[in-house]
Amino acid sequence: IAEAYHYMRVVVGLTVRESAGVFAEWAGSR
């Protein structure tokens, strides 16, 4: 999970708030 977050921030370029939104979406997925 930490690696996925790091990837979001550095590679995808998401903000912390945007990353929080992605994880919130994933919490309703597989």
PDB file of all heavy atoms in Angstrom:
ATOM      1  N   ILE A   1       0.840  -1.203   0.000  1.00  0.00           N
ATOM      2  CA  ILE A   1       0.000   0.000   0.000  1.00  0.00           C
ATOM      3  C   ILE A   1       0.876   1.255   0.000  1.00  0.00           C
ATOM      4  O   ILE A   1       0.599   2.227  -0.712  1.00  0.00           O
ATOM      5  CB  ILE A   1      -0.956  -0.021   1.205  1.00  0.00           C
ATOM      6  CG1 ILE A   1      -2.024  -1.098   1.002  1.00  0.00           C
ATOM      7  CG2 ILE A   1      -1.615   1.338   1.421  1.00  0.00           C
ATOM      8  CD1 ILE A   1      -2.888  -1.357   2.219  1.00  0.00           C
ATOM      9  N   ALA A   2       1.939   1.229   0.810  1.00  0.00           N
ATOM     10  CA  ALA A   2       2.846   2.373   0.859  1.00  0.00           C
ATOM     11  C   ALA A   2       3.503   2.604  -0.506  1.00  0.00           C
ATOM     12  O   ALA A   2       3.666   3.754  -0.948  1.00  0.00           O
ATOM     13  CB  ALA A   2       3.897   2.172   1.939  1.00  0.00           C
ATOM     14  N   GLU A   3       3.886   1.517  -1.172  1.00  0.00           N
ATOM     15  CA  GLU A   3       4.494   1.650  -2.495  1.00  0.00           C
ATOM     16  C   GLU A   3       3.501   2.221  -3.496  1.00  0.00           C
ATOM     17  O   GLU A   3       3.855   3.055  -4.343  1.00  0.00           O
ATOM     18  CB  GLU A   3       5.015   0.289  -2.962  1.00  0.00           C
ATOM     19  CG  GLU A   3       6.215  -0.207  -2.174  1.00  0.00           C
ATOM     20  CD  GLU A   3       6.651  -1.607  -2.558  1.00  0.00           C
ATOM     21  OE1 GLU A   3       6.157  -2.139  -3.576  1.00  0.00           O
ATOM     22  OE2 GLU A   3       7.490  -2.173  -1.838  1.00  0.00           O
ATOM     23  N   ALA A   4       2.250   1.782  -3.415  1.00  0.00           N
ATOM     24  CA  ALA A   4       1.218   2.313  -4.322  1.00  0.00           C
ATOM     25  C   ALA A   4       1.030   3.811  -4.089  1.00  0.00           C
ATOM     26  O   ALA A   4       0.885   4.598  -5.045  1.00  0.00           O
ATOM     27  CB  ALA A   4      -0.095   1.566  -4.109  1.00  0.00           C
ATOM     28  N   TYR A   5       1.032   4.225  -2.825  1.00  0.00           N
ATOM     29  CA  TYR A   5       0.884   5.647  -2.508  1.00  0.00           C
ATOM     30  C   TYR A   5       2.067   6.453  -3.060  1.00  0.00           C
ATOM     31  O   TYR A   5       1.888   7.523  -3.658  1.00  0.00           O
ATOM     32  CB  TYR A   5       0.770   5.831  -0.995  1.00  0.00           C
ATOM     33  CG  TYR A   5       0.891   7.263  -0.549  1.00  0.00           C
ATOM     34  CD1 TYR A   5      -0.072   8.205  -0.905  1.00  0.00           C
ATOM     35  CD2 TYR A   5       1.992   7.691   0.199  1.00  0.00           C
ATOM     36  CE1 TYR A   5       0.046   9.531  -0.521  1.00  0.00           C
ATOM     37  CE2 TYR A   5       2.118   9.013   0.594  1.00  0.00           C
ATOM     38  CZ  TYR A   5       1.142   9.932   0.229  1.00  0.00           C
ATOM     39  OH  TYR A   5       1.259  11.251   0.608  1.00  0.00           O
ATOM     40  N   HIS A   6       3.277   5.942  -2.850  1.00  0.00           N
ATOM     41  CA  HIS A   6       4.470   6.621  -3.358  1.00  0.00           C
ATOM     42  C   HIS A   6       4.397   6.777  -4.873  1.00  0.00           C
ATOM     43  O   HIS A   6       4.725   7.836  -5.434  1.00  0.00           O
ATOM     44  CB  HIS A   6       5.712   5.819  -2.953  1.00  0.00           C
ATOM     45  CG  HIS A   6       6.994   6.566  -3.103  1.00  0.00           C
ATOM     46  ND1 HIS A   6       8.224   5.939  -3.033  1.00  0.00           N
ATOM     47  CD2 HIS A   6       7.270   7.869  -3.329  1.00  0.00           C
ATOM     48  CE1 HIS A   6       9.181   6.833  -3.197  1.00  0.00           C
ATOM     49  NE2 HIS A   6       8.630   8.014  -3.390  1.00  0.00           N
ATOM     50  N   TYR A   7       3.944   5.734  -5.553  1.00  0.00           N
ATOM     51  CA  TYR A   7       3.799   5.763  -7.006  1.00  0.00           C
ATOM     52  C   TYR A   7       2.781   6.832  -7.422  1.00  0.00           C
ATOM     53  O   TYR A   7       3.007   7.587  -8.372  1.00  0.00           O
ATOM     54  CB  TYR A   7       3.355   4.383  -7.486  1.00  0.00           C
ATOM     55  CG  TYR A   7       3.236   4.223  -8.976  1.00  0.00           C
ATOM     56  CD1 TYR A   7       4.298   3.722  -9.730  1.00  0.00           C
ATOM     57  CD2 TYR A   7       2.059   4.551  -9.648  1.00  0.00           C
ATOM     58  CE1 TYR A   7       4.188   3.554 -11.102  1.00  0.00           C
ATOM     59  CE2 TYR A   7       1.939   4.392 -11.021  1.00  0.00           C
ATOM     60  CZ  TYR A   7       3.006   3.896 -11.744  1.00  0.00           C
ATOM     61  OH  TYR A   7       2.897   3.741 -13.111  1.00  0.00           O
ATOM     62  N   MET A   8       1.667   6.898  -6.699  1.00  0.00           N
ATOM     63  CA  MET A   8       0.656   7.920  -7.006  1.00  0.00           C
ATOM     64  C   MET A   8       1.249   9.319  -6.950  1.00  0.00           C
ATOM     65  O   MET A   8       0.993  10.168  -7.807  1.00  0.00           O
ATOM     66  CB  MET A   8      -0.496   7.845  -5.987  1.00  0.00           C
ATOM     67  CG  MET A   8      -1.419   6.681  -6.117  1.00  0.00           C
ATOM     68  SD  MET A   8      -2.685   6.787  -4.812  1.00  0.00           S
ATOM     69  CE  MET A   8      -3.407   5.148  -4.926  1.00  0.00           C
ATOM     70  N   ARG A   9       2.039   9.557  -5.917  1.00  0.00           N
ATOM     71  CA  ARG A   9       2.566  10.899  -5.689  1.00  0.00           C
ATOM     72  C   ARG A   9       3.659  11.266  -6.692  1.00  0.00           C
ATOM     73  O   ARG A   9       3.661  12.370  -7.230  1.00  0.00           O
ATOM     74  CB  ARG A   9       3.118  11.000  -4.259  1.00  0.00           C
ATOM     75  CG  ARG A   9       2.094  10.749  -3.182  1.00  0.00           C
ATOM     76  CD  ARG A   9       1.207  11.954  -2.926  1.00  0.00           C
ATOM     77  NE  ARG A   9       1.925  12.951  -2.163  1.00  0.00           N
ATOM     78  CZ  ARG A   9       2.188  14.184  -2.578  1.00  0.00           C
ATOM     79  NH1 ARG A   9       1.807  14.570  -3.771  1.00  0.00           N
ATOM     80  NH2 ARG A   9       2.840  15.041  -1.813  1.00  0.00           N
ATOM     81  N   VAL A  10       4.590  10.328  -6.948  1.00  0.00           N
ATOM     82  CA  VAL A  10       5.770  10.665  -7.746  1.00  0.00           C
ATOM     83  C   VAL A  10       5.544  10.421  -9.241  1.00  0.00           C
ATOM     84  O   VAL A  10       5.915  11.247 -10.076  1.00  0.00           O
ATOM     85  CB  VAL A  10       7.000   9.871  -7.256  1.00  0.00           C
ATOM     86  CG1 VAL A  10       8.216  10.198  -8.116  1.00  0.00           C
ATOM     87  CG2 VAL A  10       7.277  10.183  -5.792  1.00  0.00           C
ATOM     88  N   VAL A  11       4.962   9.280  -9.577  1.00  0.00           N
ATOM     89  CA  VAL A  11       4.821   8.927 -10.989  1.00  0.00           C
ATOM     90  C   VAL A  11       3.546   9.514 -11.589  1.00  0.00           C
ATOM     91  O   VAL A  11       3.571  10.130 -12.659  1.00  0.00           O
ATOM     92  CB  VAL A  11       4.852   7.394 -11.169  1.00  0.00           C
ATOM     93  CG1 VAL A  11       4.702   7.032 -12.650  1.00  0.00           C
ATOM     94  CG2 VAL A  11       6.139   6.816 -10.610  1.00  0.00           C
ATOM     95  N   VAL A  12       2.420   9.325 -10.904  1.00  0.00           N
ATOM     96  CA  VAL A  12       1.146   9.817 -11.438  1.00  0.00           C
ATOM     97  C   VAL A  12       0.990  11.313 -11.172  1.00  0.00           C
ATOM     98  O   VAL A  12       0.308  12.019 -11.903  1.00  0.00           O
ATOM     99  CB  VAL A  12      -0.040   9.028 -10.834  1.00  0.00           C
ATOM    100  CG1 VAL A  12      -1.346   9.426 -11.507  1.00  0.00           C
ATOM    101  CG2 VAL A  12       0.180   7.518 -10.986  1.00  0.00           C
ATOM    102  N   GLY A  13       1.614  11.808 -10.104  1.00  0.00           N
ATOM    103  CA  GLY A  13       1.561  13.222  -9.809  1.00  0.00           C
ATOM    104  C   GLY A  13       0.340  13.667  -9.038  1.00  0.00           C
ATOM    105  O   GLY A  13      -0.079  14.830  -9.135  1.00  0.00           O
ATOM    106  N   LEU A  14      -0.252  12.772  -8.244  1.00  0.00           N
ATOM    107  CA  LEU A  14      -1.424  13.130  -7.453  1.00  0.00           C
ATOM    108  C   LEU A  14      -1.022  13.888  -6.196  1.00  0.00           C
ATOM    109  O   LEU A  14       0.081  13.713  -5.667  1.00  0.00           O
ATOM    110  CB  LEU A  14      -2.199  11.879  -7.038  1.00  0.00           C
ATOM    111  CG  LEU A  14      -2.747  10.964  -8.129  1.00  0.00           C
ATOM    112  CD1 LEU A  14      -3.657   9.903  -7.503  1.00  0.00           C
ATOM    113  CD2 LEU A  14      -3.502  11.746  -9.195  1.00  0.00           C
ATOM    114  N   THR A  15      -1.915  14.727  -5.708  1.00  0.00           N
ATOM    115  CA  THR A  15      -1.727  15.348  -4.405  1.00  0.00           C
ATOM    116  C   THR A  15      -2.095  14.348  -3.322  1.00  0.00           C
ATOM    117  O   THR A  15      -2.671  13.275  -3.603  1.00  0.00           O
ATOM    118  CB  THR A  15      -2.621  16.579  -4.250  1.00  0.00           C
ATOM    119  OG1 THR A  15      -4.003  16.160  -4.273  1.00  0.00           O
ATOM    120  CG2 THR A  15      -2.379  17.583  -5.375  1.00  0.00           C
ATOM    121  N   VAL A  16      -1.799  14.677  -2.079  1.00  0.00           N
ATOM    122  CA  VAL A  16      -2.185  13.793  -0.977  1.00  0.00           C
ATOM    123  C   VAL A  16      -3.700  13.644  -0.932  1.00  0.00           C
ATOM    124  O   VAL A  16      -4.225  12.537  -0.756  1.00  0.00           O
ATOM    125  CB  VAL A  16      -1.655  14.336   0.361  1.00  0.00           C
ATOM    126  CG1 VAL A  16      -2.146  13.477   1.525  1.00  0.00           C
ATOM    127  CG2 VAL A  16      -0.134  14.392   0.359  1.00  0.00           C
ATOM    128  N   ARG A  17      -4.424  14.747  -1.104  1.00  0.00           N
ATOM    129  CA  ARG A  17      -5.889  14.688  -1.068  1.00  0.00           C
ATOM    130  C   ARG A  17      -6.429  13.806  -2.202  1.00  0.00           C
ATOM    131  O   ARG A  17      -7.346  13.018  -2.005  1.00  0.00           O
ATOM    132  CB  ARG A  17      -6.469  16.094  -1.178  1.00  0.00           C
ATOM    133  CG  ARG A  17      -8.003  16.134  -1.133  1.00  0.00           C
ATOM    134  CD  ARG A  17      -8.518  17.547  -1.288  1.00  0.00           C
ATOM    135  NE  ARG A  17      -8.154  18.358  -0.154  1.00  0.00           N
ATOM    136  CZ  ARG A  17      -8.865  18.406   0.965  1.00  0.00           C
ATOM    137  NH1 ARG A  17      -9.964  17.660   1.087  1.00  0.00           N
ATOM    138  NH2 ARG A  17      -8.484  19.173   1.962  1.00  0.00           N
ATOM    139  N   GLU A  18      -5.851  13.960  -3.391  1.00  0.00           N
ATOM    140  CA  GLU A  18      -6.294  13.129  -4.524  1.00  0.00           C
ATOM    141  C   GLU A  18      -5.998  11.657  -4.255  1.00  0.00           C
ATOM    142  O   GLU A  18      -6.802  10.776  -4.595  1.00  0.00           O
ATOM    143  CB  GLU A  18      -5.614  13.597  -5.800  1.00  0.00           C
ATOM    144  CG  GLU A  18      -6.117  14.942  -6.312  1.00  0.00           C
ATOM    145  CD  GLU A  18      -5.273  15.487  -7.448  1.00  0.00           C
ATOM    146  OE1 GLU A  18      -4.058  15.141  -7.528  1.00  0.00           O
ATOM    147  OE2 GLU A  18      -5.802  16.266  -8.257  1.00  0.00           O
ATOM    148  N   SER A  19      -4.840  11.380  -3.651  1.00  0.00           N
ATOM    149  CA  SER A  19      -4.496   9.997  -3.311  1.00  0.00           C
ATOM    150  C   SER A  19      -5.493   9.427  -2.308  1.00  0.00           C
ATOM    151  O   SER A  19      -5.901   8.260  -2.411  1.00  0.00           O
ATOM    152  CB  SER A  19      -3.077   9.938  -2.738  1.00  0.00           C
ATOM    153  OG  SER A  19      -2.127  10.412  -3.670  1.00  0.00           O
ATOM    154  N   ALA A  20      -5.896  10.240  -1.342  1.00  0.00           N
ATOM    155  CA  ALA A  20      -6.898   9.794  -0.371  1.00  0.00           C
ATOM    156  C   ALA A  20      -8.179   9.395  -1.075  1.00  0.00           C
ATOM    157  O   ALA A  20      -8.824   8.385  -0.731  1.00  0.00           O
ATOM    158  CB  ALA A  20      -7.170  10.901   0.650  1.00  0.00           C
ATOM    159  N   GLY A  21      -8.565  10.170  -2.094  1.00  0.00           N
ATOM    160  CA  GLY A  21      -9.775   9.850  -2.846  1.00  0.00           C
ATOM    161  C   GLY A  21      -9.665   8.536  -3.586  1.00  0.00           C
ATOM    162  O   GLY A  21     -10.644   7.756  -3.651  1.00  0.00           O
ATOM    163  N   VAL A  22      -8.483   8.244  -4.139  1.00  0.00           N
ATOM    164  CA  VAL A  22      -8.291   6.973  -4.850  1.00  0.00           C
ATOM    165  C   VAL A  22      -8.425   5.797  -3.883  1.00  0.00           C
ATOM    166  O   VAL A  22      -9.109   4.809  -4.165  1.00  0.00           O
ATOM    167  CB  VAL A  22      -6.920   6.943  -5.554  1.00  0.00           C
ATOM    168  CG1 VAL A  22      -6.664   5.554  -6.154  1.00  0.00           C
ATOM    169  CG2 VAL A  22      -6.850   8.015  -6.635  1.00  0.00           C
ATOM    170  N   PHE A  23      -7.781   5.909  -2.725  1.00  0.00           N
ATOM    171  CA  PHE A  23      -7.875   4.816  -1.756  1.00  0.00           C
ATOM    172  C   PHE A  23      -9.309   4.655  -1.246  1.00  0.00           C
ATOM    173  O   PHE A  23      -9.754   3.537  -0.985  1.00  0.00           O
ATOM    174  CB  PHE A  23      -6.900   5.039  -0.600  1.00  0.00           C
ATOM    175  CG  PHE A  23      -5.500   4.611  -0.897  1.00  0.00           C
ATOM    176  CD1 PHE A  23      -4.513   5.546  -1.201  1.00  0.00           C
ATOM    177  CD2 PHE A  23      -5.153   3.268  -0.899  1.00  0.00           C
ATOM    178  CE1 PHE A  23      -3.216   5.147  -1.490  1.00  0.00           C
ATOM    179  CE2 PHE A  23      -3.858   2.853  -1.190  1.00  0.00           C
ATOM    180  CZ  PHE A  23      -2.882   3.801  -1.489  1.00  0.00           C
ATOM    181  N   ALA A  24     -10.036   5.755  -1.114  1.00  0.00           N
ATOM    182  CA  ALA A  24     -11.438   5.664  -0.698  1.00  0.00           C
ATOM    183  C   ALA A  24     -12.253   4.908  -1.752  1.00  0.00           C
ATOM    184  O   ALA A  24     -13.133   4.109  -1.411  1.00  0.00           O
ATOM    185  CB  ALA A  24     -12.009   7.059  -0.475  1.00  0.00           C
ATOM    186  N   GLU A  25     -11.971   5.151  -3.041  1.00  0.00           N
ATOM    187  CA  GLU A  25     -12.650   4.405  -4.104  1.00  0.00           C
ATOM    188  C   GLU A  25     -12.271   2.930  -4.055  1.00  0.00           C
ATOM    189  O   GLU A  25     -13.118   2.048  -4.208  1.00  0.00           O
ATOM    190  CB  GLU A  25     -12.293   5.000  -5.467  1.00  0.00           C
ATOM    191  CG  GLU A  25     -12.891   6.368  -5.738  1.00  0.00           C
ATOM    192  CD  GLU A  25     -12.494   6.884  -7.107  1.00  0.00           C
ATOM    193  OE1 GLU A  25     -11.949   6.084  -7.921  1.00  0.00           O
ATOM    194  OE2 GLU A  25     -12.708   8.082  -7.375  1.00  0.00           O
ATOM    195  N   TRP A  26     -10.994   2.660  -3.858  1.00  0.00           N
ATOM    196  CA  TRP A  26     -10.534   1.272  -3.809  1.00  0.00           C
ATOM    197  C   TRP A  26     -11.158   0.514  -2.638  1.00  0.00           C
ATOM    198  O   TRP A  26     -11.341  -0.701  -2.703  1.00  0.00           O
ATOM    199  CB  TRP A  26      -9.008   1.236  -3.693  1.00  0.00           C
ATOM    200  CG  TRP A  26      -8.305   1.546  -4.986  1.00  0.00           C
ATOM    201  CD1 TRP A  26      -8.871   1.736  -6.212  1.00  0.00           C
ATOM    202  CD2 TRP A  26      -6.893   1.693  -5.182  1.00  0.00           C
ATOM    203  NE1 TRP A  26      -7.913   2.001  -7.156  1.00  0.00           N
ATOM    204  CE2 TRP A  26      -6.685   1.972  -6.553  1.00  0.00           C
ATOM    205  CE3 TRP A  26      -5.794   1.620  -4.338  1.00  0.00           C
ATOM    206  CZ2 TRP A  26      -5.421   2.169  -7.094  1.00  0.00           C
ATOM    207  CZ3 TRP A  26      -4.530   1.813  -4.871  1.00  0.00           C
ATOM    208  CH2 TRP A  26      -4.345   2.082  -6.227  1.00  0.00           C
ATOM    209  N   ALA A  27     -11.488   1.235  -1.563  1.00  0.00           N
ATOM    210  CA  ALA A  27     -12.089   0.586  -0.402  1.00  0.00           C
ATOM    211  C   ALA A  27     -13.456  -0.014  -0.741  1.00  0.00           C
ATOM    212  O   ALA A  27     -13.971  -0.853   0.007  1.00  0.00           O
ATOM    213  CB  ALA A  27     -12.221   1.570   0.752  1.00  0.00           C
ATOM    214  N   GLY A  28     -14.047   0.407  -1.850  1.00  0.00           N
ATOM    215  CA  GLY A  28     -15.308  -0.171  -2.276  1.00  0.00           C
ATOM    216  C   GLY A  28     -15.157  -1.136  -3.435  1.00  0.00           C
ATOM    217  O   GLY A  28     -16.141  -1.498  -4.077  1.00  0.00           O
ATOM    218  N   SER A  29     -13.931  -1.564  -3.702  1.00  0.00           N
ATOM    219  CA  SER A  29     -13.658  -2.443  -4.833  1.00  0.00           C
ATOM    220  C   SER A  29     -13.129  -3.792  -4.342  1.00  0.00           C
ATOM    221  O   SER A  29     -13.241  -4.125  -3.171  1.00  0.00           O
ATOM    222  CB  SER A  29     -12.619  -1.780  -5.747  1.00  0.00           C
ATOM    223  OG  SER A  29     -11.326  -1.807  -5.135  1.00  0.00           O
ATOM    224  N   ARG A  30     -12.533  -4.553  -5.247  1.00  0.00           N
ATOM    225  CA  ARG A  30     -11.942  -5.837  -4.878  1.00  0.00           C
ATOM    226  C   ARG A  30     -10.790  -5.651  -3.890  1.00  0.00           C
ATOM    227  O   ARG A  30     -10.366  -6.614  -3.241  1.00  0.00           O
ATOM    228  CB  ARG A  30     -11.432  -6.564  -6.122  1.00  0.00           C
ATOM    229  CG  ARG A  30     -10.377  -5.761  -6.889  1.00  0.00           C
ATOM    230  CD  ARG A  30      -9.941  -6.443  -8.163  1.00  0.00           C
ATOM    231  NE  ARG A  30      -9.068  -5.571  -8.937  1.00  0.00           N
ATOM    232  CZ  ARG A  30      -8.429  -5.971 -10.026  1.00  0.00           C
ATOM    233  NH1 ARG A  30      -8.550  -7.219 -10.463  1.00  0.00           N
ATOM    234  NH2 ARG A  30      -7.661  -5.127 -10.697  1.00  0.00           N
TER     235      ARG A  30
END
